[in-house]
Amino acid sequence: MKKIIYKNPEDAENFDLKRFVKSLSKYAKVSEKDAKEALAEFDQYETMHVSCLVEVGMKLIDEKADDKAAKEYFDEHEIWFDEGKFERLRRITGYLVGTLERWNDAKKAEEKARVKHCVNSAIDDAERLAALETQAMEQNIAYAR
């Protein structure tokens, strides 16, 4: 049986599909079948974080109702995302930075010229390929398919 992690992995509890569907029903009419299909991508995992459920829930609500309802659902469950608690640090041209606003024009140009590699699995291969080709054309680099 799949487990859901809320805070600590040791505190994982059993996933209840009916409870999940019931939580979505406040915002949209979502069937158990729809929820099972949406959660199929997580079948390979024994445990998942509650934030995954919230994202799936938002997607289902957006499909069945509207964006406003999905936003309300997220607002009610955003506690599980820990937004704002950590600043994103990136290593850019040898520096650990959270923002580029204090960089001079030369350093900003150097950062802009970098080839950025996408790691977002939500973007399909066609979009990723188009983005790479666009980056290559902007930097006047040959890009072979």
C-alpha atoms as a PDB file:
ATOM      1  CA  MET A   1       0.000   0.000   0.000  1.00  0.00           C
ATOM      2  CA  LYS A   2       1.255   3.482  -0.903  1.00  0.00           C
ATOM      3  CA  LYS A   3       2.327   5.795   1.922  1.00  0.00           C
ATOM      4  CA  ILE A   4       2.035   9.584   2.139  1.00  0.00           C
ATOM      5  CA  ILE A   5       4.706  11.676   3.820  1.00  0.00           C
ATOM      6  CA  TYR A   6       3.545  14.919   5.395  1.00  0.00           C
ATOM      7  CA  LYS A   7       6.538  16.132   7.391  1.00  0.00           C
ATOM      8  CA  ASN A   8       9.021  13.367   8.219  1.00  0.00           C
ATOM      9  CA  PRO A   9       9.451  10.080   6.339  1.00  0.00           C
ATOM     10  CA  GLU A  10       9.053   8.216   9.651  1.00  0.00           C
ATOM     11  CA  ASP A  11       5.562   9.700  10.022  1.00  0.00           C
ATOM     12  CA  ALA A  12       4.247   8.344   6.717  1.00  0.00           C
ATOM     13  CA  GLU A  13       0.666   7.154   6.721  1.00  0.00           C
ATOM     14  CA  ASN A  14      -1.363   5.017   4.356  1.00  0.00           C
ATOM     15  CA  PHE A  15      -2.835   6.741   1.331  1.00  0.00           C
ATOM     16  CA  ASP A  16      -6.632   6.721   1.159  1.00  0.00           C
ATOM     17  CA  LEU A  17      -7.970   7.328  -2.368  1.00  0.00           C
ATOM     18  CA  LYS A  18     -11.527   7.906  -1.143  1.00  0.00           C
ATOM     19  CA  ARG A  19     -10.322  10.583   1.277  1.00  0.00           C
ATOM     20  CA  PHE A  20      -8.328  12.254  -1.514  1.00  0.00           C
ATOM     21  CA  VAL A  21     -11.333  12.287  -3.868  1.00  0.00           C
ATOM     22  CA  LYS A  22     -13.527  13.624  -1.070  1.00  0.00           C
ATOM     23  CA  SER A  23     -11.093  16.500  -0.480  1.00  0.00           C
ATOM     24  CA  LEU A  24     -11.289  17.370  -4.193  1.00  0.00           C
ATOM     25  CA  SER A  25     -15.096  17.212  -4.305  1.00  0.00           C
ATOM     26  CA  LYS A  26     -15.329  20.517  -2.432  1.00  0.00           C
ATOM     27  CA  TYR A  27     -13.912  22.210  -5.552  1.00  0.00           C
ATOM     28  CA  ALA A  28     -14.914  20.011  -8.510  1.00  0.00           C
ATOM     29  CA  LYS A  29     -16.641  16.760  -9.366  1.00  0.00           C
ATOM     30  CA  VAL A  30     -13.757  14.304  -9.603  1.00  0.00           C
ATOM     31  CA  SER A  31     -14.358  10.561  -9.826  1.00  0.00           C
ATOM     32  CA  GLU A  32     -12.167   7.866  -8.270  1.00  0.00           C
ATOM     33  CA  LYS A  33     -11.336   6.691 -11.786  1.00  0.00           C
ATOM     34  CA  ASP A  34     -10.063  10.160 -12.746  1.00  0.00           C
ATOM     35  CA  ALA A  35      -7.992  10.351  -9.567  1.00  0.00           C
ATOM     36  CA  LYS A  36      -6.490   6.882 -10.147  1.00  0.00           C
ATOM     37  CA  GLU A  37      -5.519   7.832 -13.706  1.00  0.00           C
ATOM     38  CA  ALA A  38      -3.946  11.090 -12.557  1.00  0.00           C
ATOM     39  CA  LEU A  39      -1.990   9.297  -9.825  1.00  0.00           C
ATOM     40  CA  ALA A  40      -0.765   6.543 -12.193  1.00  0.00           C
ATOM     41  CA  GLU A  41       2.546   8.362 -12.715  1.00  0.00           C
ATOM     42  CA  PHE A  42       3.322   7.742  -9.021  1.00  0.00           C
ATOM     43  CA  ASP A  43       2.560   4.000  -9.095  1.00  0.00           C
ATOM     44  CA  GLN A  44       6.256   3.174  -9.282  1.00  0.00           C
ATOM     45  CA  TYR A  45       6.899   4.834  -5.911  1.00  0.00           C
ATOM     46  CA  GLU A  46       6.136   3.297  -2.546  1.00  0.00           C
ATOM     47  CA  THR A  47       5.857   6.688  -0.836  1.00  0.00           C
ATOM     48  CA  MET A  48       5.144  10.204  -2.024  1.00  0.00           C
ATOM     49  CA  HIS A  49       5.071  13.622  -0.424  1.00  0.00           C
ATOM     50  CA  VAL A  50       1.721  15.296   0.139  1.00  0.00           C
ATOM     51  CA  SER A  51       2.799  18.136  -2.192  1.00  0.00           C
ATOM     52  CA  CYS A  52       2.552  15.640  -5.095  1.00  0.00           C
ATOM     53  CA  LEU A  53      -1.072  15.016  -4.157  1.00  0.00           C
ATOM     54  CA  VAL A  54      -1.770  18.741  -4.039  1.00  0.00           C
ATOM     55  CA  GLU A  55      -0.316  19.223  -7.518  1.00  0.00           C
ATOM     56  CA  VAL A  56      -2.364  16.319  -8.899  1.00  0.00           C
ATOM     57  CA  GLY A  57      -5.431  17.720  -7.162  1.00  0.00           C
ATOM     58  CA  MET A  58      -4.899  21.153  -8.692  1.00  0.00           C
ATOM     59  CA  LYS A  59      -4.567  19.606 -12.149  1.00  0.00           C
ATOM     60  CA  LEU A  60      -7.765  17.582 -11.720  1.00  0.00           C
ATOM     61  CA  ILE A  61      -9.736  20.538 -10.370  1.00  0.00           C
ATOM     62  CA  ASP A  62      -8.498  22.751 -13.188  1.00  0.00           C
ATOM     63  CA  GLU A  63      -9.654  20.133 -15.736  1.00  0.00           C
ATOM     64  CA  LYS A  64     -13.046  19.526 -14.098  1.00  0.00           C
ATOM     65  CA  ALA A  65     -13.870  23.031 -12.869  1.00  0.00           C
ATOM     66  CA  ASP A  66     -11.684  26.089 -13.444  1.00  0.00           C
ATOM     67  CA  ASP A  67      -8.442  27.812 -12.546  1.00  0.00           C
ATOM     68  CA  LYS A  68     -10.076  29.770  -9.721  1.00  0.00           C
ATOM     69  CA  ALA A  69     -11.174  26.579  -7.958  1.00  0.00           C
ATOM     70  CA  ALA A  70      -7.698  25.077  -8.417  1.00  0.00           C
ATOM     71  CA  LYS A  71      -6.157  28.226  -6.887  1.00  0.00           C
ATOM     72  CA  GLU A  72      -8.512  27.967  -3.893  1.00  0.00           C
ATOM     73  CA  TYR A  73      -7.501  24.313  -3.444  1.00  0.00           C
ATOM     74  CA  PHE A  74      -3.822  25.254  -3.573  1.00  0.00           C
ATOM     75  CA  ASP A  75      -4.292  28.136  -1.117  1.00  0.00           C
ATOM     76  CA  GLU A  76      -5.864  25.725   1.349  1.00  0.00           C
ATOM     77  CA  HIS A  77      -2.986  23.226   0.975  1.00  0.00           C
ATOM     78  CA  GLU A  78       0.047  25.459   0.318  1.00  0.00           C
ATOM     79  CA  ILE A  79       1.341  24.732   3.818  1.00  0.00           C
ATOM     80  CA  TRP A  80       2.891  21.530   2.407  1.00  0.00           C
ATOM     81  CA  PHE A  81       5.099  23.370  -0.089  1.00  0.00           C
ATOM     82  CA  ASP A  82       7.335  25.312   2.336  1.00  0.00           C
ATOM     83  CA  GLU A  83       7.405  28.253  -0.096  1.00  0.00           C
ATOM     84  CA  GLY A  84       9.424  31.199   1.063  1.00  0.00           C
ATOM     85  CA  LYS A  85      11.393  29.321   3.709  1.00  0.00           C
ATOM     86  CA  PHE A  86      14.406  28.724   1.481  1.00  0.00           C
ATOM     87  CA  GLU A  87      16.114  30.997  -0.971  1.00  0.00           C
ATOM     88  CA  ARG A  88      17.149  29.336  -4.196  1.00  0.00           C
ATOM     89  CA  LEU A  89      20.920  29.340  -4.590  1.00  0.00           C
ATOM     90  CA  ARG A  90      22.500  28.622  -7.933  1.00  0.00           C
ATOM     91  CA  ARG A  91      26.102  28.280  -8.997  1.00  0.00           C
ATOM     92  CA  ILE A  92      26.445  30.653 -11.904  1.00  0.00           C
ATOM     93  CA  THR A  93      29.814  31.252 -13.530  1.00  0.00           C
ATOM     94  CA  GLY A  94      31.569  30.169 -10.356  1.00  0.00           C
ATOM     95  CA  TYR A  95      29.473  32.126  -7.835  1.00  0.00           C
ATOM     96  CA  LEU A  96      26.755  30.955  -5.463  1.00  0.00           C
ATOM     97  CA  VAL A  97      23.942  33.469  -5.853  1.00  0.00           C
ATOM     98  CA  GLY A  98      20.260  33.752  -5.102  1.00  0.00           C
ATOM     99  CA  THR A  99      19.617  36.719  -7.384  1.00  0.00           C
ATOM    100  CA  LEU A 100      21.478  38.526 -10.144  1.00  0.00           C
ATOM    101  CA  GLU A 101      20.324  42.041  -9.337  1.00  0.00           C
ATOM    102  CA  ARG A 102      23.677  43.153  -7.861  1.00  0.00           C
ATOM    103  CA  TRP A 103      25.733  41.916 -10.819  1.00  0.00           C
ATOM    104  CA  ASN A 104      27.325  44.328 -13.288  1.00  0.00           C
ATOM    105  CA  ASP A 105      26.344  44.343 -16.961  1.00  0.00           C
ATOM    106  CA  ALA A 106      29.257  42.137 -18.059  1.00  0.00           C
ATOM    107  CA  LYS A 107      28.418  39.397 -15.550  1.00  0.00           C
ATOM    108  CA  LYS A 108      24.704  39.589 -16.475  1.00  0.00           C
ATOM    109  CA  ALA A 109      25.627  39.229 -20.167  1.00  0.00           C
ATOM    110  CA  GLU A 110      27.850  36.238 -19.345  1.00  0.00           C
ATOM    111  CA  GLU A 111      24.969  34.583 -17.449  1.00  0.00           C
ATOM    112  CA  LYS A 112      22.546  35.271 -20.294  1.00  0.00           C
ATOM    113  CA  ALA A 113      24.923  33.662 -22.808  1.00  0.00           C
ATOM    114  CA  ARG A 114      25.108  30.406 -20.856  1.00  0.00           C
ATOM    115  CA  VAL A 115      23.375  27.348 -22.281  1.00  0.00           C
ATOM    116  CA  LYS A 116      20.708  26.459 -19.754  1.00  0.00           C
ATOM    117  CA  HIS A 117      19.694  22.835 -19.411  1.00  0.00           C
ATOM    118  CA  CYS A 118      16.119  22.079 -18.496  1.00  0.00           C
ATOM    119  CA  VAL A 119      15.467  19.468 -15.815  1.00  0.00           C
ATOM    120  CA  ASN A 120      11.715  19.998 -15.559  1.00  0.00           C
ATOM    121  CA  SER A 121      10.033  16.706 -16.418  1.00  0.00           C
ATOM    122  CA  ALA A 122       6.710  18.504 -16.918  1.00  0.00           C
ATOM    123  CA  ILE A 123       7.977  19.908 -20.235  1.00  0.00           C
ATOM    124  CA  ASP A 124       7.620  17.446 -23.051  1.00  0.00           C
ATOM    125  CA  ASP A 125      10.474  16.584 -25.409  1.00  0.00           C
ATOM    126  CA  ALA A 126       9.156  18.693 -28.297  1.00  0.00           C
ATOM    127  CA  GLU A 127       9.068  21.830 -26.139  1.00  0.00           C
ATOM    128  CA  ARG A 128      12.512  21.052 -24.739  1.00  0.00           C
ATOM    129  CA  LEU A 129      13.937  20.561 -28.238  1.00  0.00           C
ATOM    130  CA  ALA A 130      12.383  23.820 -29.440  1.00  0.00           C
ATOM    131  CA  ALA A 131      13.836  25.675 -26.450  1.00  0.00           C
ATOM    132  CA  LEU A 132      17.312  24.248 -27.100  1.00  0.00           C
ATOM    133  CA  GLU A 133      17.126  25.201 -30.778  1.00  0.00           C
ATOM    134  CA  THR A 134      16.018  28.731 -29.874  1.00  0.00           C
ATOM    135  CA  GLN A 135      18.887  29.110 -27.397  1.00  0.00           C
ATOM    136  CA  ALA A 136      21.349  27.843 -29.971  1.00  0.00           C
ATOM    137  CA  MET A 137      20.062  30.264 -32.631  1.00  0.00           C
ATOM    138  CA  GLU A 138      20.204  33.211 -30.183  1.00  0.00           C
ATOM    139  CA  GLN A 139      23.834  32.386 -29.413  1.00  0.00           C
ATOM    140  CA  ASN A 140      24.654  31.616 -33.035  1.00  0.00           C
ATOM    141  CA  ILE A 141      25.544  28.009 -32.279  1.00  0.00           C
ATOM    142  CA  ALA A 142      24.820  25.102 -34.595  1.00  0.00           C
ATOM    143  CA  TYR A 143      22.358  22.654 -33.119  1.00  0.00           C
ATOM    144  CA  ALA A 144      21.901  19.270 -34.760  1.00  0.00           C
ATOM    145  CA  ARG A 145      18.773  17.164 -34.276  1.00  0.00           C
END
